[in-house]
PDB file of N, CA and C in Angstrom:
ATOM      1  N   MET A   1     180.443 -16.160 183.455  1.00  0.00           N
ATOM      2  CA  MET A   1     181.440 -17.031 184.625  1.00  0.00           C
ATOM      3  C   MET A   1     180.857 -16.083 186.111  1.00  0.00           C
ATOM      4  N   VAL A   2     180.451 -17.049 186.898  1.00  0.00           N
ATOM      5  CA  VAL A   2     180.383 -16.228 188.163  1.00  0.00           C
ATOM      6  C   VAL A   2     181.147 -16.790 189.191  1.00  0.00           C
ATOM      7  N   GLU A   3     181.709 -16.281 190.189  1.00  0.00           N
ATOM      8  CA  GLU A   3     182.898 -16.716 190.930  1.00  0.00           C
ATOM      9  C   GLU A   3     182.083 -15.946 192.700  1.00  0.00           C
ATOM     10  N   ASN A   4     182.057 -16.686 192.982  1.00  0.00           N
ATOM     11  CA  ASN A   4     181.724 -16.130 194.979  1.00  0.00           C
ATOM     12  C   ASN A   4     182.848 -16.833 195.711  1.00  0.00           C
ATOM     13  N   TRP A   5     183.196 -15.687 196.682  1.00  0.00           N
ATOM     14  CA  TRP A   5     183.725 -16.161 197.809  1.00  0.00           C
ATOM     15  C   TRP A   5     183.061 -15.953 198.848  1.00  0.00           C
ATOM     16  N   LEU A   6     183.280 -16.941 200.177  1.00  0.00           N
ATOM     17  CA  LEU A   6     182.758 -16.590 201.335  1.00  0.00           C
ATOM     18  C   LEU A   6     183.610 -16.519 202.431  1.00  0.00           C
ATOM     19  N   ARG A   7     183.562 -15.869 203.336  1.00  0.00           N
ATOM     20  CA  ARG A   7     184.509 -15.595 204.673  1.00  0.00           C
ATOM     21  C   ARG A   7     183.786 -15.437 205.775  1.00  0.00           C
ATOM     22  N   ILE A   8     183.950 -16.608 206.523  1.00  0.00           N
ATOM     23  CA  ILE A   8     183.148 -16.389 207.902  1.00  0.00           C
ATOM     24  C   ILE A   8     184.064 -16.882 208.764  1.00  0.00           C
ATOM     25  N   SER A   9     183.778 -15.552 209.858  1.00  0.00           N
ATOM     26  CA  SER A   9     184.315 -15.300 210.821  1.00  0.00           C
ATOM     27  C   SER A   9     183.367 -15.831 212.064  1.00  0.00           C
ATOM     28  N   LEU A  10     183.878 -15.551 213.319  1.00  0.00           N
ATOM     29  CA  LEU A  10     182.780 -16.081 214.426  1.00  0.00           C
ATOM     30  C   LEU A  10     181.802 -15.307 214.340  1.00  0.00           C
ATOM     31  N   LEU A  11     181.570 -14.026 214.153  1.00  0.00           N
ATOM     32  CA  LEU A  11     180.571 -12.913 214.068  1.00  0.00           C
ATOM     33  C   LEU A  11     180.189 -12.249 213.076  1.00  0.00           C
ATOM     34  N   VAL A  12     180.722 -12.458 211.971  1.00  0.00           N
ATOM     35  CA  VAL A  12     180.709 -11.898 210.534  1.00  0.00           C
ATOM     36  C   VAL A  12     180.610 -12.448 209.504  1.00  0.00           C
ATOM     37  N   CYS A  13     179.796 -12.610 208.225  1.00  0.00           N
ATOM     38  CA  CYS A  13     180.214 -13.348 207.266  1.00  0.00           C
ATOM     39  C   CYS A  13     179.912 -12.249 206.345  1.00  0.00           C
ATOM     40  N   VAL A  14     181.022 -12.358 205.393  1.00  0.00           N
ATOM     41  CA  VAL A  14     181.079 -11.275 204.125  1.00  0.00           C
ATOM     42  C   VAL A  14     180.682 -12.264 202.644  1.00  0.00           C
ATOM     43  N   LEU A  15     179.861 -11.894 201.954  1.00  0.00           N
ATOM     44  CA  LEU A  15     179.651 -12.610 200.822  1.00  0.00           C
ATOM     45  C   LEU A  15     180.271 -11.472 199.389  1.00  0.00           C
ATOM     46  N   VAL A  16     181.150 -11.688 198.817  1.00  0.00           N
ATOM     47  CA  VAL A  16     181.320 -10.836 197.445  1.00  0.00           C
ATOM     48  C   VAL A  16     181.226 -11.992 196.089  1.00  0.00           C
ATOM     49  N   LEU A  17     180.282 -11.240 195.382  1.00  0.00           N
ATOM     50  CA  LEU A  17     179.859 -12.186 194.212  1.00  0.00           C
ATOM     51  C   LEU A  17     180.548 -10.830 193.125  1.00  0.00           C
ATOM     52  N   VAL A  18     180.971 -11.726 192.225  1.00  0.00           N
ATOM     53  CA  VAL A  18     181.684 -11.077 191.118  1.00  0.00           C
ATOM     54  C   VAL A  18     181.418 -11.970 189.779  1.00  0.00           C
ATOM     55  N   ALA A  19     180.664 -11.118 188.630  1.00  0.00           N
ATOM     56  CA  ALA A  19     180.085 -11.787 187.755  1.00  0.00           C
ATOM     57  C   ALA A  19     180.959 -11.052 186.468  1.00  0.00           C
ATOM     58  N   THR A  20     181.384 -12.097 185.663  1.00  0.00           N
ATOM     59  CA  THR A  20     182.090 -11.666 184.339  1.00  0.00           C
ATOM     60  C   THR A  20     181.144 -11.593 183.181  1.00  0.00           C
ATOM     61  N   ASP A  21     180.832 -10.972 182.424  1.00  0.00           N
ATOM     62  CA  ASP A  21     179.713 -11.403 181.012  1.00  0.00           C
ATOM     63  C   ASP A  21     180.674 -11.667 180.007  1.00  0.00           C
ATOM     64  N   ALA A  22     179.882 -12.215 179.032  1.00  0.00           N
ATOM     65  CA  ALA A  22     180.574 -12.604 177.668  1.00  0.00           C
ATOM     66  C   ALA A  22     181.447 -11.465 177.163  1.00  0.00           C
ATOM     67  N   ASN A  23     181.125 -10.025 177.387  1.00  0.00           N
ATOM     68  CA  ASN A  23     181.980  -9.111 176.753  1.00  0.00           C
ATOM     69  C   ASN A  23     182.862  -8.480 177.649  1.00  0.00           C
ATOM     70  N   GLY A  24     183.199  -9.464 178.793  1.00  0.00           N
ATOM     71  CA  GLY A  24     184.146  -8.860 179.816  1.00  0.00           C
ATOM     72  C   GLY A  24     183.999  -7.631 180.734  1.00  0.00           C
ATOM     73  N   CYS A  25     182.799  -7.408 180.818  1.00  0.00           N
ATOM     74  CA  CYS A  25     182.271  -6.600 181.893  1.00  0.00           C
ATOM     75  C   CYS A  25     182.145  -6.994 183.152  1.00  0.00           C
ATOM     76  N   VAL A  26     182.794  -6.561 184.148  1.00  0.00           N
ATOM     77  CA  VAL A  26     183.068  -7.253 185.396  1.00  0.00           C
ATOM     78  C   VAL A  26     181.794  -6.537 186.219  1.00  0.00           C
ATOM     79  N   SER A  27     181.101  -7.142 187.404  1.00  0.00           N
ATOM     80  CA  SER A  27     180.111  -6.320 188.018  1.00  0.00           C
ATOM     81  C   SER A  27     180.467  -6.926 189.342  1.00  0.00           C
ATOM     82  N   GLN A  28     180.299  -6.215 190.793  1.00  0.00           N
ATOM     83  CA  GLN A  28     180.900  -6.961 191.840  1.00  0.00           C
ATOM     84  C   GLN A  28     179.781  -6.168 192.852  1.00  0.00           C
ATOM     85  N   SER A  29     179.340  -7.444 193.629  1.00  0.00           N
ATOM     86  CA  SER A  29     178.345  -6.977 194.710  1.00  0.00           C
ATOM     87  C   SER A  29     179.147  -7.290 196.231  1.00  0.00           C
ATOM     88  N   GLY A  30     178.618  -6.760 197.281  1.00  0.00           N
ATOM     89  CA  GLY A  30     179.031  -7.452 198.656  1.00  0.00           C
ATOM     90  C   GLY A  30     177.699  -7.421 199.358  1.00  0.00           C
ATOM     91  N   TYR A  31     177.823  -8.213 200.365  1.00  0.00           N
ATOM     92  CA  TYR A  31     176.944  -8.279 201.260  1.00  0.00           C
ATOM     93  C   TYR A  31     177.512  -8.762 202.598  1.00  0.00           C
ATOM     94  N   THR A  32     177.041  -8.285 203.809  1.00  0.00           N
ATOM     95  CA  THR A  32     177.551  -8.585 204.990  1.00  0.00           C
ATOM     96  C   THR A  32     176.435  -8.868 205.798  1.00  0.00           C
ATOM     97  N   ILE A  33     176.681 -10.024 206.668  1.00  0.00           N
ATOM     98  CA  ILE A  33     175.712 -10.710 207.390  1.00  0.00           C
ATOM     99  C   ILE A  33     176.207 -10.595 208.644  1.00  0.00           C
ATOM    100  N   GLN A  34     175.790  -9.938 209.824  1.00  0.00           N
ATOM    101  CA  GLN A  34     176.540  -9.817 211.199  1.00  0.00           C
ATOM    102  C   GLN A  34     175.744 -10.129 212.193  1.00  0.00           C
ATOM    103  N   ASN A  35     176.225 -11.120 213.338  1.00  0.00           N
ATOM    104  CA  ASN A  35     175.365 -11.744 214.505  1.00  0.00           C
ATOM    105  C   ASN A  35     176.131 -11.072 215.647  1.00  0.00           C
ATOM    106  N   THR A  36     175.140 -10.569 216.528  1.00  0.00           N
ATOM    107  CA  THR A  36     176.112  -9.979 217.573  1.00  0.00           C
ATOM    108  C   THR A  36     175.887 -10.913 218.872  1.00  0.00           C
ATOM    109  N   ASN A  37     175.091 -11.991 218.834  1.00  0.00           N
ATOM    110  CA  ASN A  37     175.293 -13.031 219.991  1.00  0.00           C
ATOM    111  C   ASN A  37     176.849 -13.264 220.003  1.00  0.00           C
ATOM    112  N   ALA A  38     177.108 -14.122 221.338  1.00  0.00           N
ATOM    113  CA  ALA A  38     178.282 -14.714 221.589  1.00  0.00           C
ATOM    114  C   ALA A  38     178.389 -15.833 220.879  1.00  0.00           C
ATOM    115  N   THR A  39     179.342 -16.600 220.836  1.00  0.00           N
ATOM    116  CA  THR A  39     179.537 -17.901 220.305  1.00  0.00           C
ATOM    117  C   THR A  39     180.330 -18.758 220.964  1.00  0.00           C
ATOM    118  N   THR A  40     180.175 -20.074 220.657  1.00  0.00           N
ATOM    119  CA  THR A  40     181.614 -21.163 220.828  1.00  0.00           C
ATOM    120  C   THR A  40     181.309 -21.993 220.128  1.00  0.00           C
ATOM    121  N   GLU A  41     181.553 -21.479 218.411  1.00  0.00           N
ATOM    122  CA  GLU A  41     181.572 -22.200 217.381  1.00  0.00           C
ATOM    123  C   GLU A  41     182.235 -23.513 217.069  1.00  0.00           C
ATOM    124  N   ALA A  42     183.455 -23.537 217.327  1.00  0.00           N
ATOM    125  CA  ALA A  42     184.576 -24.086 217.571  1.00  0.00           C
ATOM    126  C   ALA A  42     184.023 -25.709 218.077  1.00  0.00           C
ATOM    127  N   GLY A  43     183.628 -25.617 219.518  1.00  0.00           N
ATOM    128  CA  GLY A  43     183.176 -26.830 220.170  1.00  0.00           C
ATOM    129  C   GLY A  43     181.795 -27.377 219.906  1.00  0.00           C
ATOM    130  N   LEU A  44     180.607 -26.656 219.020  1.00  0.00           N
ATOM    131  CA  LEU A  44     179.708 -27.425 218.667  1.00  0.00           C
ATOM    132  C   LEU A  44     179.835 -27.859 216.989  1.00  0.00           C
ATOM    133  N   ASP A  45     180.889 -27.115 216.462  1.00  0.00           N
ATOM    134  CA  ASP A  45     180.978 -27.678 214.908  1.00  0.00           C
ATOM    135  C   ASP A  45     181.258 -29.363 215.074  1.00  0.00           C
ATOM    136  N   SER A  46     182.216 -30.119 216.066  1.00  0.00           N
ATOM    137  CA  SER A  46     182.291 -31.036 215.923  1.00  0.00           C
ATOM    138  C   SER A  46     181.109 -31.726 216.006  1.00  0.00           C
ATOM    139  N   HIS A  47     180.010 -31.450 216.237  1.00  0.00           N
ATOM    140  CA  HIS A  47     178.594 -32.041 216.952  1.00  0.00           C
ATOM    141  C   HIS A  47     177.464 -32.090 215.961  1.00  0.00           C
ATOM    142  N   ILE A  48     177.930 -31.161 214.821  1.00  0.00           N
ATOM    143  CA  ILE A  48     176.655 -30.894 213.934  1.00  0.00           C
ATOM    144  C   ILE A  48     177.115 -31.669 212.606  1.00  0.00           C
ATOM    145  N   LEU A  49     176.394 -32.354 211.902  1.00  0.00           N
ATOM    146  CA  LEU A  49     176.424 -32.593 210.727  1.00  0.00           C
ATOM    147  C   LEU A  49     174.836 -32.500 209.945  1.00  0.00           C
ATOM    148  N   LEU A  50     175.299 -31.826 208.779  1.00  0.00           N
ATOM    149  CA  LEU A  50     174.431 -31.426 207.776  1.00  0.00           C
ATOM    150  C   LEU A  50     174.662 -32.220 206.633  1.00  0.00           C
ATOM    151  N   TYR A  51     173.568 -32.860 206.074  1.00  0.00           N
ATOM    152  CA  TYR A  51     173.653 -33.417 204.660  1.00  0.00           C
ATOM    153  C   TYR A  51     172.424 -33.893 204.247  1.00  0.00           C
ATOM    154  N   PRO A  52     172.102 -33.960 202.796  1.00  0.00           N
ATOM    155  CA  PRO A  52     173.536 -33.767 201.795  1.00  0.00           C
ATOM    156  C   PRO A  52     173.727 -32.270 201.580  1.00  0.00           C
ATOM    157  N   ASN A  53     174.907 -32.042 201.650  1.00  0.00           N
ATOM    158  CA  ASN A  53     175.157 -30.666 201.234  1.00  0.00           C
ATOM    159  C   ASN A  53     176.395 -30.465 200.160  1.00  0.00           C
ATOM    160  N   PRO A  54     175.899 -30.427 199.143  1.00  0.00           N
ATOM    161  CA  PRO A  54     174.699 -29.334 198.443  1.00  0.00           C
ATOM    162  C   PRO A  54     173.631 -30.438 198.429  1.00  0.00           C
ATOM    163  N   THR A  55     172.452 -29.911 198.449  1.00  0.00           N
ATOM    164  CA  THR A  55     170.986 -30.309 198.563  1.00  0.00           C
ATOM    165  C   THR A  55     169.866 -29.998 197.329  1.00  0.00           C
ATOM    166  N   SER A  56     169.186 -30.966 196.820  1.00  0.00           N
ATOM    167  CA  SER A  56     168.288 -30.665 195.887  1.00  0.00           C
ATOM    168  C   SER A  56     166.913 -30.194 196.736  1.00  0.00           C
ATOM    169  N   GLY A  57     167.175 -30.118 197.876  1.00  0.00           N
ATOM    170  CA  GLY A  57     165.648 -29.757 198.771  1.00  0.00           C
ATOM    171  C   GLY A  57     165.815 -29.904 200.209  1.00  0.00           C
ATOM    172  N   GLU A  58     165.643 -31.550 200.756  1.00  0.00           N
ATOM    173  CA  GLU A  58     165.599 -31.755 201.739  1.00  0.00           C
ATOM    174  C   GLU A  58     166.964 -31.819 202.311  1.00  0.00           C
ATOM    175  N   VAL A  59     167.564 -31.432 203.612  1.00  0.00           N
ATOM    176  CA  VAL A  59     168.572 -31.518 203.960  1.00  0.00           C
ATOM    177  C   VAL A  59     168.543 -31.895 205.657  1.00  0.00           C
ATOM    178  N   THR A  60     169.547 -33.181 206.107  1.00  0.00           N
ATOM    179  CA  THR A  60     169.022 -33.366 207.556  1.00  0.00           C
ATOM    180  C   THR A  60     170.388 -32.637 208.130  1.00  0.00           C
ATOM    181  N   LEU A  61     169.782 -32.087 209.693  1.00  0.00           N
ATOM    182  CA  LEU A  61     170.765 -31.735 210.726  1.00  0.00           C
ATOM    183  C   LEU A  61     170.480 -32.615 211.865  1.00  0.00           C
ATOM    184  N   GLU A  62     171.586 -33.240 211.849  1.00  0.00           N
ATOM    185  CA  GLU A  62     171.667 -34.273 213.059  1.00  0.00           C
ATOM    186  C   GLU A  62     172.921 -33.726 214.018  1.00  0.00           C
ATOM    187  N   LEU A  63     172.499 -33.826 215.397  1.00  0.00           N
ATOM    188  CA  LEU A  63     173.660 -33.537 216.407  1.00  0.00           C
ATOM    189  C   LEU A  63     174.415 -34.920 216.903  1.00  0.00           C
ATOM    190  N   SER A  64     175.116 -34.928 216.989  1.00  0.00           N
ATOM    191  CA  SER A  64     176.053 -36.228 217.232  1.00  0.00           C
ATOM    192  C   SER A  64     176.946 -35.926 218.790  1.00  0.00           C
ATOM    193  N   GLY A  65     176.795 -36.770 219.392  1.00  0.00           N
ATOM    194  CA  GLY A  65     177.895 -36.688 220.737  1.00  0.00           C
ATOM    195  C   GLY A  65     177.250 -35.611 221.884  1.00  0.00           C
ATOM    196  N   LEU A  66     176.106 -35.554 221.378  1.00  0.00           N
ATOM    197  CA  LEU A  66     175.350 -34.712 222.816  1.00  0.00           C
ATOM    198  C   LEU A  66     174.264 -35.734 223.339  1.00  0.00           C
ATOM    199  N   THR A  67     174.491 -36.381 224.291  1.00  0.00           N
ATOM    200  CA  THR A  67     173.318 -36.978 224.981  1.00  0.00           C
ATOM    201  C   THR A  67     172.316 -36.441 225.300  1.00  0.00           C
ATOM    202  N   ASN A  68     172.046 -35.136 225.889  1.00  0.00           N
ATOM    203  CA  ASN A  68     171.012 -34.619 226.422  1.00  0.00           C
ATOM    204  C   ASN A  68     170.738 -33.003 225.755  1.00  0.00           C
ATOM    205  N   PRO A  69     170.739 -33.275 224.541  1.00  0.00           N
ATOM    206  CA  PRO A  69     170.279 -31.571 223.688  1.00  0.00           C
ATOM    207  C   PRO A  69     169.284 -30.653 224.168  1.00  0.00           C
ATOM    208  N   ASP A  70     169.886 -29.308 224.531  1.00  0.00           N
ATOM    209  CA  ASP A  70     168.461 -28.618 224.667  1.00  0.00           C
ATOM    210  C   ASP A  70     168.273 -28.192 223.712  1.00  0.00           C
ATOM    211  N   ARG A  71     167.259 -27.388 223.444  1.00  0.00           N
ATOM    212  CA  ARG A  71     166.267 -26.857 222.303  1.00  0.00           C
ATOM    213  C   ARG A  71     167.180 -26.706 220.993  1.00  0.00           C
ATOM    214  N   LEU A  72     166.619 -26.780 219.801  1.00  0.00           N
ATOM    215  CA  LEU A  72     167.218 -26.951 218.714  1.00  0.00           C
ATOM    216  C   LEU A  72     166.572 -25.522 217.967  1.00  0.00           C
ATOM    217  N   GLU A  73     167.701 -24.889 217.520  1.00  0.00           N
ATOM    218  CA  GLU A  73     166.924 -23.554 216.635  1.00  0.00           C
ATOM    219  C   GLU A  73     167.402 -23.313 215.459  1.00  0.00           C
ATOM    220  N   VAL A  74     166.975 -23.274 214.208  1.00  0.00           N
ATOM    221  CA  VAL A  74     167.575 -23.099 213.001  1.00  0.00           C
ATOM    222  C   VAL A  74     166.889 -22.030 212.436  1.00  0.00           C
ATOM    223  N   THR A  75     167.692 -20.787 211.963  1.00  0.00           N
ATOM    224  CA  THR A  75     167.539 -19.713 211.109  1.00  0.00           C
ATOM    225  C   THR A  75     168.357 -19.556 209.604  1.00  0.00           C
ATOM    226  N   ALA A  76     167.350 -19.799 208.596  1.00  0.00           N
ATOM    227  CA  ALA A  76     168.063 -19.727 207.450  1.00  0.00           C
ATOM    228  C   ALA A  76     168.011 -18.486 206.806  1.00  0.00           C
ATOM    229  N   PHE A  77     169.286 -17.996 206.241  1.00  0.00           N
ATOM    230  CA  PHE A  77     169.321 -16.593 205.670  1.00  0.00           C
ATOM    231  C   PHE A  77     169.926 -16.632 204.152  1.00  0.00           C
ATOM    232  N   ASP A  78     169.401 -16.169 203.217  1.00  0.00           N
ATOM    233  CA  ASP A  78     170.017 -15.940 201.704  1.00  0.00           C
ATOM    234  C   ASP A  78     170.806 -15.254 202.075  1.00  0.00           C
ATOM    235  N   VAL A  79     171.468 -14.912 200.469  1.00  0.00           N
ATOM    236  CA  VAL A  79     172.513 -14.301 200.475  1.00  0.00           C
ATOM    237  C   VAL A  79     172.444 -12.751 200.485  1.00  0.00           C
ATOM    238  N   MET A  80     171.279 -12.238 200.480  1.00  0.00           N
ATOM    239  CA  MET A  80     170.765 -10.979 200.882  1.00  0.00           C
ATOM    240  C   MET A  80     170.920 -10.599 202.271  1.00  0.00           C
ATOM    241  N   GLY A  81     170.762 -11.353 203.344  1.00  0.00           N
ATOM    242  CA  GLY A  81     170.309 -11.403 204.362  1.00  0.00           C
ATOM    243  C   GLY A  81     169.022 -11.418 204.605  1.00  0.00           C
ATOM    244  N   ARG A  82     168.256 -12.020 204.131  1.00  0.00           N
ATOM    245  CA  ARG A  82     166.967 -11.954 204.484  1.00  0.00           C
ATOM    246  C   ARG A  82     166.294 -13.322 205.120  1.00  0.00           C
ATOM    247  N   GLN A  83     165.772 -13.768 206.143  1.00  0.00           N
ATOM    248  CA  GLN A  83     165.676 -14.984 206.914  1.00  0.00           C
ATOM    249  C   GLN A  83     164.512 -15.579 205.875  1.00  0.00           C
ATOM    250  N   VAL A  84     164.833 -16.818 205.391  1.00  0.00           N
ATOM    251  CA  VAL A  84     164.039 -17.592 204.635  1.00  0.00           C
ATOM    252  C   VAL A  84     163.866 -18.885 205.403  1.00  0.00           C
ATOM    253  N   LEU A  85     163.996 -19.047 206.449  1.00  0.00           N
ATOM    254  CA  LEU A  85     163.326 -20.471 207.344  1.00  0.00           C
ATOM    255  C   LEU A  85     163.611 -20.113 208.777  1.00  0.00           C
ATOM    256  N   HIS A  86     162.845 -20.745 209.554  1.00  0.00           N
ATOM    257  CA  HIS A  86     162.816 -20.638 210.886  1.00  0.00           C
ATOM    258  C   HIS A  86     162.663 -21.995 211.368  1.00  0.00           C
ATOM    259  N   HIS A  87     163.403 -22.909 212.527  1.00  0.00           N
ATOM    260  CA  HIS A  87     162.731 -24.173 212.809  1.00  0.00           C
ATOM    261  C   HIS A  87     163.410 -24.211 214.049  1.00  0.00           C
ATOM    262  N   ASN A  88     162.287 -24.569 215.244  1.00  0.00           N
ATOM    263  CA  ASN A  88     162.300 -24.936 216.702  1.00  0.00           C
ATOM    264  C   ASN A  88     162.117 -26.301 216.732  1.00  0.00           C
ATOM    265  N   ALA A  89     163.116 -27.052 217.698  1.00  0.00           N
ATOM    266  CA  ALA A  89     162.604 -28.463 218.039  1.00  0.00           C
ATOM    267  C   ALA A  89     163.269 -28.715 218.825  1.00  0.00           C
ATOM    268  N   ILE A  90     163.292 -29.975 219.325  1.00  0.00           N
ATOM    269  CA  ILE A  90     163.904 -30.921 220.507  1.00  0.00           C
ATOM    270  C   ILE A  90     164.098 -32.032 219.885  1.00  0.00           C
ATOM    271  N   GLY A  91     165.717 -32.706 219.860  1.00  0.00           N
ATOM    272  CA  GLY A  91     165.713 -33.824 219.201  1.00  0.00           C
ATOM    273  C   GLY A  91     167.259 -33.884 218.752  1.00  0.00           C
ATOM    274  N   THR A  92     167.711 -35.117 218.380  1.00  0.00           N
ATOM    275  CA  THR A  92     169.059 -35.007 217.795  1.00  0.00           C
ATOM    276  C   THR A  92     169.096 -35.085 216.219  1.00  0.00           C
ATOM    277  N   LYS A  93     167.744 -35.139 215.485  1.00  0.00           N
ATOM    278  CA  LYS A  93     167.832 -35.291 214.175  1.00  0.00           C
ATOM    279  C   LYS A  93     166.836 -34.660 213.576  1.00  0.00           C
ATOM    280  N   GLN A  94     166.927 -33.577 213.047  1.00  0.00           N
ATOM    281  CA  GLN A  94     165.971 -32.931 212.187  1.00  0.00           C
ATOM    282  C   GLN A  94     165.599 -32.950 210.751  1.00  0.00           C
ATOM    283  N   LEU A  95     164.705 -33.061 210.217  1.00  0.00           N
ATOM    284  CA  LEU A  95     164.586 -32.612 208.698  1.00  0.00           C
ATOM    285  C   LEU A  95     164.409 -31.262 208.027  1.00  0.00           C
ATOM    286  N   LEU A  96     165.346 -30.193 207.447  1.00  0.00           N
ATOM    287  CA  LEU A  96     164.626 -28.973 207.312  1.00  0.00           C
ATOM    288  C   LEU A  96     164.557 -29.083 205.813  1.00  0.00           C
ATOM    289  N   ASN A  97     163.456 -28.327 205.134  1.00  0.00           N
ATOM    290  CA  ASN A  97     162.819 -28.526 204.002  1.00  0.00           C
ATOM    291  C   ASN A  97     163.210 -27.274 203.128  1.00  0.00           C
ATOM    292  N   PHE A  98     163.959 -27.287 201.956  1.00  0.00           N
ATOM    293  CA  PHE A  98     164.499 -26.185 201.037  1.00  0.00           C
ATOM    294  C   PHE A  98     164.143 -26.674 199.493  1.00  0.00           C
ATOM    295  N   THR A  99     163.027 -27.430 199.420  1.00  0.00           N
ATOM    296  CA  THR A  99     162.445 -27.599 198.377  1.00  0.00           C
ATOM    297  C   THR A  99     161.755 -26.476 197.640  1.00  0.00           C
ATOM    298  N   ASP A 100     161.044 -25.397 198.441  1.00  0.00           N
ATOM    299  CA  ASP A 100     160.452 -24.169 198.000  1.00  0.00           C
ATOM    300  C   ASP A 100     161.588 -23.150 198.046  1.00  0.00           C
ATOM    301  N   LYS A 101     162.857 -23.316 197.890  1.00  0.00           N
ATOM    302  CA  LYS A 101     163.833 -22.123 198.114  1.00  0.00           C
ATOM    303  C   LYS A 101     164.529 -22.246 196.551  1.00  0.00           C
ATOM    304  N   PRO A 102     164.946 -21.169 196.304  1.00  0.00           N
ATOM    305  CA  PRO A 102     165.690 -20.887 194.837  1.00  0.00           C
ATOM    306  C   PRO A 102     166.987 -21.816 195.038  1.00  0.00           C
ATOM    307  N   SER A 103     167.605 -22.030 194.063  1.00  0.00           N
ATOM    308  CA  SER A 103     168.984 -22.843 194.224  1.00  0.00           C
ATOM    309  C   SER A 103     169.752 -21.533 194.772  1.00  0.00           C
ATOM    310  N   GLY A 104     171.177 -21.649 195.273  1.00  0.00           N
ATOM    311  CA  GLY A 104     171.900 -20.789 196.135  1.00  0.00           C
ATOM    312  C   GLY A 104     172.470 -21.068 197.186  1.00  0.00           C
ATOM    313  N   VAL A 105     172.912 -20.042 197.871  1.00  0.00           N
ATOM    314  CA  VAL A 105     173.832 -20.254 199.155  1.00  0.00           C
ATOM    315  C   VAL A 105     172.890 -19.900 199.957  1.00  0.00           C
ATOM    316  N   TYR A 106     173.146 -20.367 201.373  1.00  0.00           N
ATOM    317  CA  TYR A 106     172.344 -20.248 202.771  1.00  0.00           C
ATOM    318  C   TYR A 106     172.882 -20.173 203.658  1.00  0.00           C
ATOM    319  N   LEU A 107     173.001 -19.430 204.571  1.00  0.00           N
ATOM    320  CA  LEU A 107     173.787 -19.664 206.186  1.00  0.00           C
ATOM    321  C   LEU A 107     172.876 -20.104 206.718  1.00  0.00           C
ATOM    322  N   LEU A 108     172.977 -21.013 207.547  1.00  0.00           N
ATOM    323  CA  LEU A 108     172.298 -21.517 208.448  1.00  0.00           C
ATOM    324  C   LEU A 108     172.931 -21.203 209.910  1.00  0.00           C
ATOM    325  N   LYS A 109     171.815 -20.221 210.882  1.00  0.00           N
ATOM    326  CA  LYS A 109     172.532 -19.948 212.066  1.00  0.00           C
ATOM    327  C   LYS A 109     171.661 -21.369 213.299  1.00  0.00           C
ATOM    328  N   ILE A 110     172.733 -21.970 213.602  1.00  0.00           N
ATOM    329  CA  ILE A 110     172.240 -23.223 214.349  1.00  0.00           C
ATOM    330  C   ILE A 110     172.705 -22.591 216.064  1.00  0.00           C
ATOM    331  N   VAL A 111     171.364 -23.023 216.690  1.00  0.00           N
ATOM    332  CA  VAL A 111     171.654 -22.412 218.198  1.00  0.00           C
ATOM    333  C   VAL A 111     171.302 -23.963 218.897  1.00  0.00           C
ATOM    334  N   VAL A 112     171.917 -24.583 219.647  1.00  0.00           N
ATOM    335  CA  VAL A 112     171.934 -25.433 220.568  1.00  0.00           C
ATOM    336  C   VAL A 112     171.967 -25.201 222.252  1.00  0.00           C
ATOM    337  N   GLY A 113     170.861 -24.858 222.847  1.00  0.00           N
ATOM    338  CA  GLY A 113     170.999 -24.798 224.391  1.00  0.00           C
ATOM    339  C   GLY A 113     171.683 -22.737 224.123  1.00  0.00           C
ATOM    340  N   ASN A 114     173.086 -22.891 224.743  1.00  0.00           N
ATOM    341  CA  ASN A 114     173.377 -21.508 224.892  1.00  0.00           C
ATOM    342  C   ASN A 114     174.365 -21.204 223.641  1.00  0.00           C
ATOM    343  N   GLU A 115     174.654 -22.269 222.838  1.00  0.00           N
ATOM    344  CA  GLU A 115     175.903 -22.013 221.885  1.00  0.00           C
ATOM    345  C   GLU A 115     175.189 -21.906 220.435  1.00  0.00           C
ATOM    346  N   MET A 116     175.942 -21.105 219.492  1.00  0.00           N
ATOM    347  CA  MET A 116     175.678 -21.046 218.180  1.00  0.00           C
ATOM    348  C   MET A 116     176.804 -21.291 217.286  1.00  0.00           C
ATOM    349  N   LEU A 117     176.186 -21.683 215.928  1.00  0.00           N
ATOM    350  CA  LEU A 117     177.099 -22.392 214.823  1.00  0.00           C
ATOM    351  C   LEU A 117     176.328 -21.550 213.905  1.00  0.00           C
ATOM    352  N   THR A 118     177.435 -20.945 212.605  1.00  0.00           N
ATOM    353  CA  THR A 118     177.173 -20.715 211.381  1.00  0.00           C
ATOM    354  C   THR A 118     177.469 -22.070 210.538  1.00  0.00           C
ATOM    355  N   LYS A 119     176.655 -22.370 209.487  1.00  0.00           N
ATOM    356  CA  LYS A 119     176.883 -23.406 208.441  1.00  0.00           C
ATOM    357  C   LYS A 119     176.349 -22.888 207.162  1.00  0.00           C
ATOM    358  N   ARG A 120     177.235 -23.185 206.164  1.00  0.00           N
ATOM    359  CA  ARG A 120     176.826 -22.878 205.027  1.00  0.00           C
ATOM    360  C   ARG A 120     176.052 -23.871 204.274  1.00  0.00           C
ATOM    361  N   LEU A 121     174.970 -23.853 203.221  1.00  0.00           N
ATOM    362  CA  LEU A 121     174.569 -24.811 202.878  1.00  0.00           C
ATOM    363  C   LEU A 121     174.257 -24.407 201.431  1.00  0.00           C
ATOM    364  N   VAL A 122     174.544 -25.181 200.349  1.00  0.00           N
ATOM    365  CA  VAL A 122     174.103 -24.687 199.070  1.00  0.00           C
ATOM    366  C   VAL A 122     173.160 -25.648 198.689  1.00  0.00           C
ATOM    367  N   VAL A 123     171.896 -25.135 197.910  1.00  0.00           N
ATOM    368  CA  VAL A 123     170.863 -25.831 197.315  1.00  0.00           C
ATOM    369  C   VAL A 123     171.183 -25.554 195.960  1.00  0.00           C
ATOM    370  N   ASN A 124     171.048 -26.804 194.911  1.00  0.00           N
ATOM    371  CA  ASN A 124     171.404 -26.744 193.583  1.00  0.00           C
ATOM    372  C   ASN A 124     170.321 -27.586 193.240  1.00  0.00           C
ATOM    373  N   ARG A 125     169.970 -27.079 191.989  1.00  0.00           N
ATOM    374  CA  ARG A 125     168.576 -28.164 191.179  1.00  0.00           C
ATOM    375  C   ARG A 125     169.002 -28.466 189.792  1.00  0.00           C
TER     376      ARG A 125
END
């Protein structure tokens, strides 16, 4: 049985993975991802749609309610904090490809203009 908890604040994400095997032995690992950029996460969150989530591979990132969005930059990190995807674009709708990524939880750092938001994406096959 595997349980995991994800706690996200404006600047730090902490992932704690607790696994219990059939014999009742427990193993725990903790990972921290920190971003030192300033953010206005609450405002941008209402304009970002990410679907489907969970996904089996491709996911759509859509900006809604932004009439003339600046550049869009998406960086995805796995639970170990490794960058697994980087995408730059202009426009309100982008298709992100996770078909070559293993199942798991990914953190997406989304930058629109000078605003930044972190979203959680689950890839499940």
